[in-house]
PDB file of N, CA and C in Angstrom:
ATOM      1  N   MET A   1     -32.630  10.634 -57.501  1.00  0.00           N
ATOM      2  CA  MET A   1     -32.445  11.102 -58.854  1.00  0.00           C
ATOM      3  C   MET A   1     -33.434  12.220 -59.188  1.00  0.00           C
ATOM      4  N   LEU A   2     -34.680  12.062 -58.784  1.00  0.00           N
ATOM      5  CA  LEU A   2     -35.680  13.083 -59.087  1.00  0.00           C
ATOM      6  C   LEU A   2     -35.305  14.411 -58.461  1.00  0.00           C
ATOM      7  N   ALA A   3     -34.844  14.364 -57.224  1.00  0.00           N
ATOM      8  CA  ALA A   3     -34.505  15.596 -56.516  1.00  0.00           C
ATOM      9  C   ALA A   3     -33.315  16.280 -57.176  1.00  0.00           C
ATOM     10  N   ARG A   4     -32.308  15.519 -57.521  1.00  0.00           N
ATOM     11  CA  ARG A   4     -31.115  16.114 -58.136  1.00  0.00           C
ATOM     12  C   ARG A   4     -31.382  16.632 -59.535  1.00  0.00           C
ATOM     13  N   SER A   5     -32.387  16.091 -60.192  1.00  0.00           N
ATOM     14  CA  SER A   5     -32.716  16.569 -61.533  1.00  0.00           C
ATOM     15  C   SER A   5     -33.570  17.829 -61.481  1.00  0.00           C
ATOM     16  N   GLY A   6     -33.965  18.227 -60.267  1.00  0.00           N
ATOM     17  CA  GLY A   6     -34.738  19.455 -60.112  1.00  0.00           C
ATOM     18  C   GLY A   6     -36.230  19.239 -59.977  1.00  0.00           C
ATOM     19  N   ASP A   7     -36.669  18.002 -60.019  1.00  0.00           N
ATOM     20  CA  ASP A   7     -38.103  17.707 -59.912  1.00  0.00           C
ATOM     21  C   ASP A   7     -38.456  17.491 -58.441  1.00  0.00           C
ATOM     22  N   LYS A   8     -38.491  18.580 -57.683  1.00  0.00           N
ATOM     23  CA  LYS A   8     -38.701  18.491 -56.244  1.00  0.00           C
ATOM     24  C   LYS A   8     -40.054  17.918 -55.875  1.00  0.00           C
ATOM     25  N   SER A   9     -41.088  18.296 -56.594  1.00  0.00           N
ATOM     26  CA  SER A   9     -42.417  17.789 -56.241  1.00  0.00           C
ATOM     27  C   SER A   9     -42.492  16.279 -56.436  1.00  0.00           C
ATOM     28  N   ALA A  10     -41.907  15.767 -57.497  1.00  0.00           N
ATOM     29  CA  ALA A  10     -41.906  14.320 -57.728  1.00  0.00           C
ATOM     30  C   ALA A  10     -41.053  13.615 -56.676  1.00  0.00           C
ATOM     31  N   ALA A  11     -39.954  14.243 -56.272  1.00  0.00           N
ATOM     32  CA  ALA A  11     -39.093  13.652 -55.243  1.00  0.00           C
ATOM     33  C   ALA A  11     -39.822  13.571 -53.911  1.00  0.00           C
ATOM     34  N   LEU A  12     -40.530  14.627 -53.544  1.00  0.00           N
ATOM     35  CA  LEU A  12     -41.291  14.609 -52.292  1.00  0.00           C
ATOM     36  C   LEU A  12     -42.420  13.584 -52.351  1.00  0.00           C
ATOM     37  N   ALA A  13     -43.049  13.469 -53.494  1.00  0.00           N
ATOM     38  CA  ALA A  13     -44.097  12.457 -53.652  1.00  0.00           C
ATOM     39  C   ALA A  13     -43.509  11.059 -53.502  1.00  0.00           C
ATOM     40  N   ALA A  14     -42.327  10.842 -54.050  1.00  0.00           N
ATOM     41  CA  ALA A  14     -41.661   9.544 -53.921  1.00  0.00           C
ATOM     42  C   ALA A  14     -41.312   9.271 -52.463  1.00  0.00           C
ATOM     43  N   ALA A  15     -40.856  10.292 -51.760  1.00  0.00           N
ATOM     44  CA  ALA A  15     -40.516  10.126 -50.341  1.00  0.00           C
ATOM     45  C   ALA A  15     -41.739   9.733 -49.532  1.00  0.00           C
ATOM     46  N   GLN A  16     -42.879  10.265 -49.890  1.00  0.00           N
ATOM     47  CA  GLN A  16     -44.097   9.943 -49.154  1.00  0.00           C
ATOM     48  C   GLN A  16     -44.597   8.535 -49.462  1.00  0.00           C
ATOM     49  N   ARG A  17     -44.217   8.004 -50.610  1.00  0.00           N
ATOM     50  CA  ARG A  17     -44.616   6.636 -50.958  1.00  0.00           C
ATOM     51  C   ARG A  17     -43.700   5.590 -50.337  1.00  0.00           C
ATOM     52  N   ILE A  18     -42.527   5.995 -49.888  1.00  0.00           N
ATOM     53  CA  ILE A  18     -41.561   5.038 -49.349  1.00  0.00           C
ATOM     54  C   ILE A  18     -42.118   4.234 -48.175  1.00  0.00           C
ATOM     55  N   PRO A  19     -42.863   4.830 -47.230  1.00  0.00           N
ATOM     56  CA  PRO A  19     -43.385   4.003 -46.129  1.00  0.00           C
ATOM     57  C   PRO A  19     -44.219   2.818 -46.595  1.00  0.00           C
ATOM     58  N   GLU A  20     -44.820   2.920 -47.763  1.00  0.00           N
ATOM     59  CA  GLU A  20     -45.586   1.811 -48.302  1.00  0.00           C
ATOM     60  C   GLU A  20     -44.697   0.598 -48.551  1.00  0.00           C
ATOM     61  N   ALA A  21     -43.395   0.844 -48.730  1.00  0.00           N
ATOM     62  CA  ALA A  21     -42.463  -0.238 -49.019  1.00  0.00           C
ATOM     63  C   ALA A  21     -41.920  -0.877 -47.745  1.00  0.00           C
ATOM     64  N   GLU A  22     -42.313  -0.351 -46.590  1.00  0.00           N
ATOM     65  CA  GLU A  22     -41.756  -0.827 -45.322  1.00  0.00           C
ATOM     66  C   GLU A  22     -41.946  -2.325 -45.116  1.00  0.00           C
ATOM     67  N   ASP A  23     -43.088  -2.833 -45.472  1.00  0.00           N
ATOM     68  CA  ASP A  23     -43.344  -4.255 -45.293  1.00  0.00           C
ATOM     69  C   ASP A  23     -42.554  -5.134 -46.261  1.00  0.00           C
ATOM     70  N   SER A  24     -41.999  -4.529 -47.287  1.00  0.00           N
ATOM     71  CA  SER A  24     -41.266  -5.304 -48.284  1.00  0.00           C
ATOM     72  C   SER A  24     -39.837  -5.604 -47.855  1.00  0.00           C
ATOM     73  N   GLY A  25     -39.413  -5.057 -46.708  1.00  0.00           N
ATOM     74  CA  GLY A  25     -38.046  -5.265 -46.255  1.00  0.00           C
ATOM     75  C   GLY A  25     -37.085  -4.225 -46.802  1.00  0.00           C
ATOM     76  N   ALA A  26     -37.601  -3.267 -47.528  1.00  0.00           N
ATOM     77  CA  ALA A  26     -36.751  -2.206 -48.072  1.00  0.00           C
ATOM     78  C   ALA A  26     -36.204  -1.345 -46.934  1.00  0.00           C
ATOM     79  N   ASP A  27     -35.058  -0.772 -47.152  1.00  0.00           N
ATOM     80  CA  ASP A  27     -34.447   0.110 -46.162  1.00  0.00           C
ATOM     81  C   ASP A  27     -35.092   1.491 -46.266  1.00  0.00           C
ATOM     82  N   VAL A  28     -36.242   1.614 -45.663  1.00  0.00           N
ATOM     83  CA  VAL A  28     -37.098   2.789 -45.782  1.00  0.00           C
ATOM     84  C   VAL A  28     -36.392   4.071 -45.356  1.00  0.00           C
ATOM     85  N   CYS A  29     -35.781   4.059 -44.193  1.00  0.00           N
ATOM     86  CA  CYS A  29     -35.153   5.275 -43.672  1.00  0.00           C
ATOM     87  C   CYS A  29     -33.974   5.704 -44.549  1.00  0.00           C
ATOM     88  N   TYR A  30     -33.182   4.758 -44.968  1.00  0.00           N
ATOM     89  CA  TYR A  30     -32.045   5.053 -45.846  1.00  0.00           C
ATOM     90  C   TYR A  30     -32.530   5.669 -47.154  1.00  0.00           C
ATOM     91  N   ASN A  31     -33.585   5.117 -47.712  1.00  0.00           N
ATOM     92  CA  ASN A  31     -34.115   5.643 -48.971  1.00  0.00           C
ATOM     93  C   ASN A  31     -34.670   7.048 -48.805  1.00  0.00           C
ATOM     94  N   LYS A  32     -35.312   7.316 -47.659  1.00  0.00           N
ATOM     95  CA  LYS A  32     -35.789   8.674 -47.411  1.00  0.00           C
ATOM     96  C   LYS A  32     -34.607   9.629 -47.262  1.00  0.00           C
ATOM     97  N   ALA A  33     -33.541   9.176 -46.628  1.00  0.00           N
ATOM     98  CA  ALA A  33     -32.351  10.010 -46.495  1.00  0.00           C
ATOM     99  C   ALA A  33     -31.796  10.372 -47.873  1.00  0.00           C
ATOM    100  N   LEU A  34     -31.834   9.432 -48.803  1.00  0.00           N
ATOM    101  CA  LEU A  34     -31.380   9.706 -50.167  1.00  0.00           C
ATOM    102  C   LEU A  34     -32.203  10.825 -50.806  1.00  0.00           C
ATOM    103  N   VAL A  35     -33.502  10.759 -50.636  1.00  0.00           N
ATOM    104  CA  VAL A  35     -34.385  11.772 -51.229  1.00  0.00           C
ATOM    105  C   VAL A  35     -34.082  13.143 -50.646  1.00  0.00           C
ATOM    106  N   TYR A  36     -34.002  13.235 -49.319  1.00  0.00           N
ATOM    107  CA  TYR A  36     -33.784  14.540 -48.702  1.00  0.00           C
ATOM    108  C   TYR A  36     -32.385  15.079 -48.964  1.00  0.00           C
ATOM    109  N   THR A  37     -31.416  14.189 -49.154  1.00  0.00           N
ATOM    110  CA  THR A  37     -30.086  14.646 -49.553  1.00  0.00           C
ATOM    111  C   THR A  37     -30.156  15.281 -50.932  1.00  0.00           C
ATOM    112  N   GLY A  38     -30.848  14.623 -51.839  1.00  0.00           N
ATOM    113  CA  GLY A  38     -31.017  15.156 -53.191  1.00  0.00           C
ATOM    114  C   GLY A  38     -31.739  16.490 -53.207  1.00  0.00           C
ATOM    115  N   LEU A  39     -32.645  16.681 -52.269  1.00  0.00           N
ATOM    116  CA  LEU A  39     -33.379  17.949 -52.171  1.00  0.00           C
ATOM    117  C   LEU A  39     -32.552  19.040 -51.496  1.00  0.00           C
ATOM    118  N   GLY A  40     -31.408  18.658 -50.954  1.00  0.00           N
ATOM    119  CA  GLY A  40     -30.557  19.633 -50.269  1.00  0.00           C
ATOM    120  C   GLY A  40     -30.991  19.892 -48.835  1.00  0.00           C
ATOM    121  N   ASP A  41     -31.865  19.063 -48.295  1.00  0.00           N
ATOM    122  CA  ASP A  41     -32.345  19.204 -46.926  1.00  0.00           C
ATOM    123  C   ASP A  41     -31.494  18.325 -46.019  1.00  0.00           C
ATOM    124  N   ARG A  42     -30.347  18.874 -45.622  1.00  0.00           N
ATOM    125  CA  ARG A  42     -29.369  18.111 -44.845  1.00  0.00           C
ATOM    126  C   ARG A  42     -29.927  17.655 -43.496  1.00  0.00           C
ATOM    127  N   ASP A  43     -30.684  18.519 -42.842  1.00  0.00           N
ATOM    128  CA  ASP A  43     -31.218  18.164 -41.528  1.00  0.00           C
ATOM    129  C   ASP A  43     -32.133  16.944 -41.612  1.00  0.00           C
ATOM    130  N   ARG A  44     -33.051  16.968 -42.569  1.00  0.00           N
ATOM    131  CA  ARG A  44     -33.955  15.819 -42.730  1.00  0.00           C
ATOM    132  C   ARG A  44     -33.186  14.575 -43.171  1.00  0.00           C
ATOM    133  N   ALA A  45     -32.183  14.760 -44.012  1.00  0.00           N
ATOM    134  CA  ALA A  45     -31.367  13.624 -44.448  1.00  0.00           C
ATOM    135  C   ALA A  45     -30.697  12.963 -43.249  1.00  0.00           C
ATOM    136  N   PHE A  46     -30.137  13.771 -42.356  1.00  0.00           N
ATOM    137  CA  PHE A  46     -29.493  13.196 -41.177  1.00  0.00           C
ATOM    138  C   PHE A  46     -30.499  12.554 -40.232  1.00  0.00           C
ATOM    139  N   GLU A  47     -31.682  13.129 -40.120  1.00  0.00           N
ATOM    140  CA  GLU A  47     -32.719  12.497 -39.293  1.00  0.00           C
ATOM    141  C   GLU A  47     -32.990  11.075 -39.785  1.00  0.00           C
ATOM    142  N   TRP A  48     -33.118  10.937 -41.112  1.00  0.00           N
ATOM    143  CA  TRP A  48     -33.428   9.615 -41.672  1.00  0.00           C
ATOM    144  C   TRP A  48     -32.229   8.681 -41.634  1.00  0.00           C
ATOM    145  N   LEU A  49     -31.014   9.217 -41.813  1.00  0.00           N
ATOM    146  CA  LEU A  49     -29.834   8.356 -41.680  1.00  0.00           C
ATOM    147  C   LEU A  49     -29.706   7.837 -40.253  1.00  0.00           C
ATOM    148  N   ASP A  50     -29.959   8.714 -39.283  1.00  0.00           N
ATOM    149  CA  ASP A  50     -29.912   8.287 -37.887  1.00  0.00           C
ATOM    150  C   ASP A  50     -30.951   7.204 -37.609  1.00  0.00           C
ATOM    151  N   GLN A  51     -32.155   7.385 -38.159  1.00  0.00           N
ATOM    152  CA  GLN A  51     -33.196   6.370 -37.987  1.00  0.00           C
ATOM    153  C   GLN A  51     -32.801   5.055 -38.657  1.00  0.00           C
ATOM    154  N   SER A  52     -32.140   5.166 -39.791  1.00  0.00           N
ATOM    155  CA  SER A  52     -31.668   3.978 -40.493  1.00  0.00           C
ATOM    156  C   SER A  52     -30.684   3.205 -39.616  1.00  0.00           C
ATOM    157  N   ALA A  53     -29.812   3.948 -38.930  1.00  0.00           N
ATOM    158  CA  ALA A  53     -28.844   3.307 -38.031  1.00  0.00           C
ATOM    159  C   ALA A  53     -29.555   2.671 -36.836  1.00  0.00           C
ATOM    160  N   VAL A  54     -30.518   3.383 -36.262  1.00  0.00           N
ATOM    161  CA  VAL A  54     -31.267   2.855 -35.114  1.00  0.00           C
ATOM    162  C   VAL A  54     -31.998   1.569 -35.493  1.00  0.00           C
ATOM    163  N   ARG A  55     -32.570   1.564 -36.680  1.00  0.00           N
ATOM    164  CA  ARG A  55     -33.324   0.383 -37.147  1.00  0.00           C
ATOM    165  C   ARG A  55     -32.408  -0.714 -37.685  1.00  0.00           C
ATOM    166  N   ARG A  56     -31.119  -0.406 -37.738  1.00  0.00           N
ATOM    167  CA  ARG A  56     -30.115  -1.352 -38.244  1.00  0.00           C
ATOM    168  C   ARG A  56     -30.408  -1.808 -39.667  1.00  0.00           C
ATOM    169  N   GLU A  57     -30.779  -0.843 -40.479  1.00  0.00           N
ATOM    170  CA  GLU A  57     -30.991  -1.149 -41.896  1.00  0.00           C
ATOM    171  C   GLU A  57     -29.641  -1.478 -42.535  1.00  0.00           C
ATOM    172  N   ALA A  58     -29.623  -2.473 -43.349  1.00  0.00           N
ATOM    173  CA  ALA A  58     -28.372  -2.948 -43.943  1.00  0.00           C
ATOM    174  C   ALA A  58     -27.671  -1.887 -44.790  1.00  0.00           C
ATOM    175  N   SER A  59     -28.423  -1.106 -45.514  1.00  0.00           N
ATOM    176  CA  SER A  59     -27.832  -0.132 -46.442  1.00  0.00           C
ATOM    177  C   SER A  59     -27.048   0.973 -45.764  1.00  0.00           C
ATOM    178  N   VAL A  60     -27.351   1.272 -44.513  1.00  0.00           N
ATOM    179  CA  VAL A  60     -26.718   2.417 -43.861  1.00  0.00           C
ATOM    180  C   VAL A  60     -25.192   2.278 -43.796  1.00  0.00           C
ATOM    181  N   VAL A  61     -24.683   1.066 -43.798  1.00  0.00           N
ATOM    182  CA  VAL A  61     -23.228   0.898 -43.742  1.00  0.00           C
ATOM    183  C   VAL A  61     -22.552   1.372 -45.034  1.00  0.00           C
ATOM    184  N   PHE A  62     -23.332   1.575 -46.083  1.00  0.00           N
ATOM    185  CA  PHE A  62     -22.774   2.046 -47.349  1.00  0.00           C
ATOM    186  C   PHE A  62     -22.824   3.566 -47.495  1.00  0.00           C
ATOM    187  N   ALA A  63     -23.363   4.249 -46.506  1.00  0.00           N
ATOM    188  CA  ALA A  63     -23.483   5.703 -46.588  1.00  0.00           C
ATOM    189  C   ALA A  63     -22.129   6.368 -46.792  1.00  0.00           C
ATOM    190  N   GLY A  64     -21.087   5.790 -46.243  1.00  0.00           N
ATOM    191  CA  GLY A  64     -19.748   6.374 -46.370  1.00  0.00           C
ATOM    192  C   GLY A  64     -19.172   6.314 -47.770  1.00  0.00           C
ATOM    193  N   VAL A  65     -19.704   5.455 -48.616  1.00  0.00           N
ATOM    194  CA  VAL A  65     -19.203   5.342 -49.983  1.00  0.00           C
ATOM    195  C   VAL A  65     -20.267   5.633 -51.033  1.00  0.00           C
ATOM    196  N   ASP A  66     -21.506   5.771 -50.601  1.00  0.00           N
ATOM    197  CA  ASP A  66     -22.594   6.059 -51.534  1.00  0.00           C
ATOM    198  C   ASP A  66     -22.386   7.474 -52.094  1.00  0.00           C
ATOM    199  N   PRO A  67     -22.240   7.607 -53.411  1.00  0.00           N
ATOM    200  CA  PRO A  67     -21.980   8.936 -53.981  1.00  0.00           C
ATOM    201  C   PRO A  67     -23.089   9.951 -53.718  1.00  0.00           C
ATOM    202  N   PHE A  68     -24.300   9.510 -53.459  1.00  0.00           N
ATOM    203  CA  PHE A  68     -25.390  10.440 -53.193  1.00  0.00           C
ATOM    204  C   PHE A  68     -25.207  11.179 -51.869  1.00  0.00           C
ATOM    205  N   PHE A  69     -24.413  10.624 -50.958  1.00  0.00           N
ATOM    206  CA  PHE A  69     -24.194  11.267 -49.664  1.00  0.00           C
ATOM    207  C   PHE A  69     -22.881  12.049 -49.602  1.00  0.00           C
ATOM    208  N   GLU A  70     -22.226  12.202 -50.727  1.00  0.00           N
ATOM    209  CA  GLU A  70     -20.936  12.895 -50.736  1.00  0.00           C
ATOM    210  C   GLU A  70     -21.029  14.296 -50.138  1.00  0.00           C
ATOM    211  N   ASP A  71     -22.113  15.004 -50.402  1.00  0.00           N
ATOM    212  CA  ASP A  71     -22.277  16.365 -49.881  1.00  0.00           C
ATOM    213  C   ASP A  71     -22.404  16.396 -48.362  1.00  0.00           C
ATOM    214  N   LEU A  72     -22.743  15.279 -47.751  1.00  0.00           N
ATOM    215  CA  LEU A  72     -22.926  15.229 -46.299  1.00  0.00           C
ATOM    216  C   LEU A  72     -21.655  14.854 -45.545  1.00  0.00           C
ATOM    217  N   ARG A  73     -20.685  14.320 -46.220  1.00  0.00           N
ATOM    218  CA  ARG A  73     -19.520  13.749 -45.539  1.00  0.00           C
ATOM    219  C   ARG A  73     -18.673  14.764 -44.787  1.00  0.00           C
ATOM    220  N   GLY A  74     -18.709  16.025 -45.149  1.00  0.00           N
ATOM    221  CA  GLY A  74     -17.945  17.039 -44.434  1.00  0.00           C
ATOM    222  C   GLY A  74     -18.643  17.535 -43.178  1.00  0.00           C
ATOM    223  N   ASP A  75     -19.871  17.141 -42.980  1.00  0.00           N
ATOM    224  CA  ASP A  75     -20.666  17.576 -41.829  1.00  0.00           C
ATOM    225  C   ASP A  75     -20.272  16.746 -40.603  1.00  0.00           C
ATOM    226  N   PRO A  76     -20.092  17.388 -39.448  1.00  0.00           N
ATOM    227  CA  PRO A  76     -19.726  16.636 -38.236  1.00  0.00           C
ATOM    228  C   PRO A  76     -20.734  15.546 -37.873  1.00  0.00           C
ATOM    229  N   ARG A  77     -21.978  15.710 -38.261  1.00  0.00           N
ATOM    230  CA  ARG A  77     -22.988  14.681 -37.981  1.00  0.00           C
ATOM    231  C   ARG A  77     -22.681  13.391 -38.730  1.00  0.00           C
ATOM    232  N   PHE A  78     -22.043  13.515 -39.896  1.00  0.00           N
ATOM    233  CA  PHE A  78     -21.699  12.318 -40.657  1.00  0.00           C
ATOM    234  C   PHE A  78     -20.600  11.544 -39.936  1.00  0.00           C
ATOM    235  N   ALA A  79     -19.631  12.270 -39.395  1.00  0.00           N
ATOM    236  CA  ALA A  79     -18.560  11.617 -38.626  1.00  0.00           C
ATOM    237  C   ALA A  79     -19.144  10.910 -37.407  1.00  0.00           C
ATOM    238  N   ALA A  80     -20.107  11.547 -36.749  1.00  0.00           N
ATOM    239  CA  ALA A  80     -20.743  10.931 -35.580  1.00  0.00           C
ATOM    240  C   ALA A  80     -21.512   9.667 -35.975  1.00  0.00           C
ATOM    241  N   LEU A  81     -22.204   9.738 -37.114  1.00  0.00           N
ATOM    242  CA  LEU A  81     -22.933   8.568 -37.611  1.00  0.00           C
ATOM    243  C   LEU A  81     -21.970   7.429 -37.908  1.00  0.00           C
ATOM    244  N   SER A  82     -20.897   7.739 -38.607  1.00  0.00           N
ATOM    245  CA  SER A  82     -19.898   6.715 -38.947  1.00  0.00           C
ATOM    246  C   SER A  82     -19.318   6.079 -37.689  1.00  0.00           C
ATOM    247  N   LYS A  83     -19.041   6.914 -36.697  1.00  0.00           N
ATOM    248  CA  LYS A  83     -18.489   6.391 -35.451  1.00  0.00           C
ATOM    249  C   LYS A  83     -19.506   5.490 -34.747  1.00  0.00           C
ATOM    250  N   SER A  84     -20.778   5.898 -34.740  1.00  0.00           N
ATOM    251  CA  SER A  84     -21.798   5.079 -34.078  1.00  0.00           C
ATOM    252  C   SER A  84     -21.980   3.727 -34.761  1.00  0.00           C
ATOM    253  N   LEU A  85     -21.687   3.691 -36.055  1.00  0.00           N
ATOM    254  CA  LEU A  85     -21.797   2.439 -36.816  1.00  0.00           C
ATOM    255  C   LEU A  85     -20.514   1.619 -36.768  1.00  0.00           C
ATOM    256  N   GLY A  86     -19.469   2.187 -36.161  1.00  0.00           N
ATOM    257  CA  GLY A  86     -18.180   1.509 -36.113  1.00  0.00           C
ATOM    258  C   GLY A  86     -17.443   1.537 -37.428  1.00  0.00           C
ATOM    259  N   LEU A  87     -17.710   2.557 -38.238  1.00  0.00           N
ATOM    260  CA  LEU A  87     -17.105   2.646 -39.570  1.00  0.00           C
ATOM    261  C   LEU A  87     -15.982   3.666 -39.671  1.00  0.00           C
ATOM    262  N   ASP A  88     -15.656   4.321 -38.586  1.00  0.00           N
ATOM    263  CA  ASP A  88     -14.625   5.375 -38.663  1.00  0.00           C
ATOM    264  C   ASP A  88     -13.232   4.838 -38.655  1.00  0.00           C
TER     265      ASP A  88
END
């Protein structure tokens, strides 16, 4: 939300705080992917989505319907991610 509202510095600060939540069971990589998608950094977003899949974070299966990732769905990397998750 911060990134899409134009507050890039706050969004980056939030992304840097996400690792602190790792011990809480939060889907850290998926959440970082959300931040970088909002910032328009598709490459970093895909890096974190891929890591989310590798770590088998539960939230990654919702990437195909999560409205925050709509801008990524036309990218061939998204199709590859969906296929790797068995969601295609």
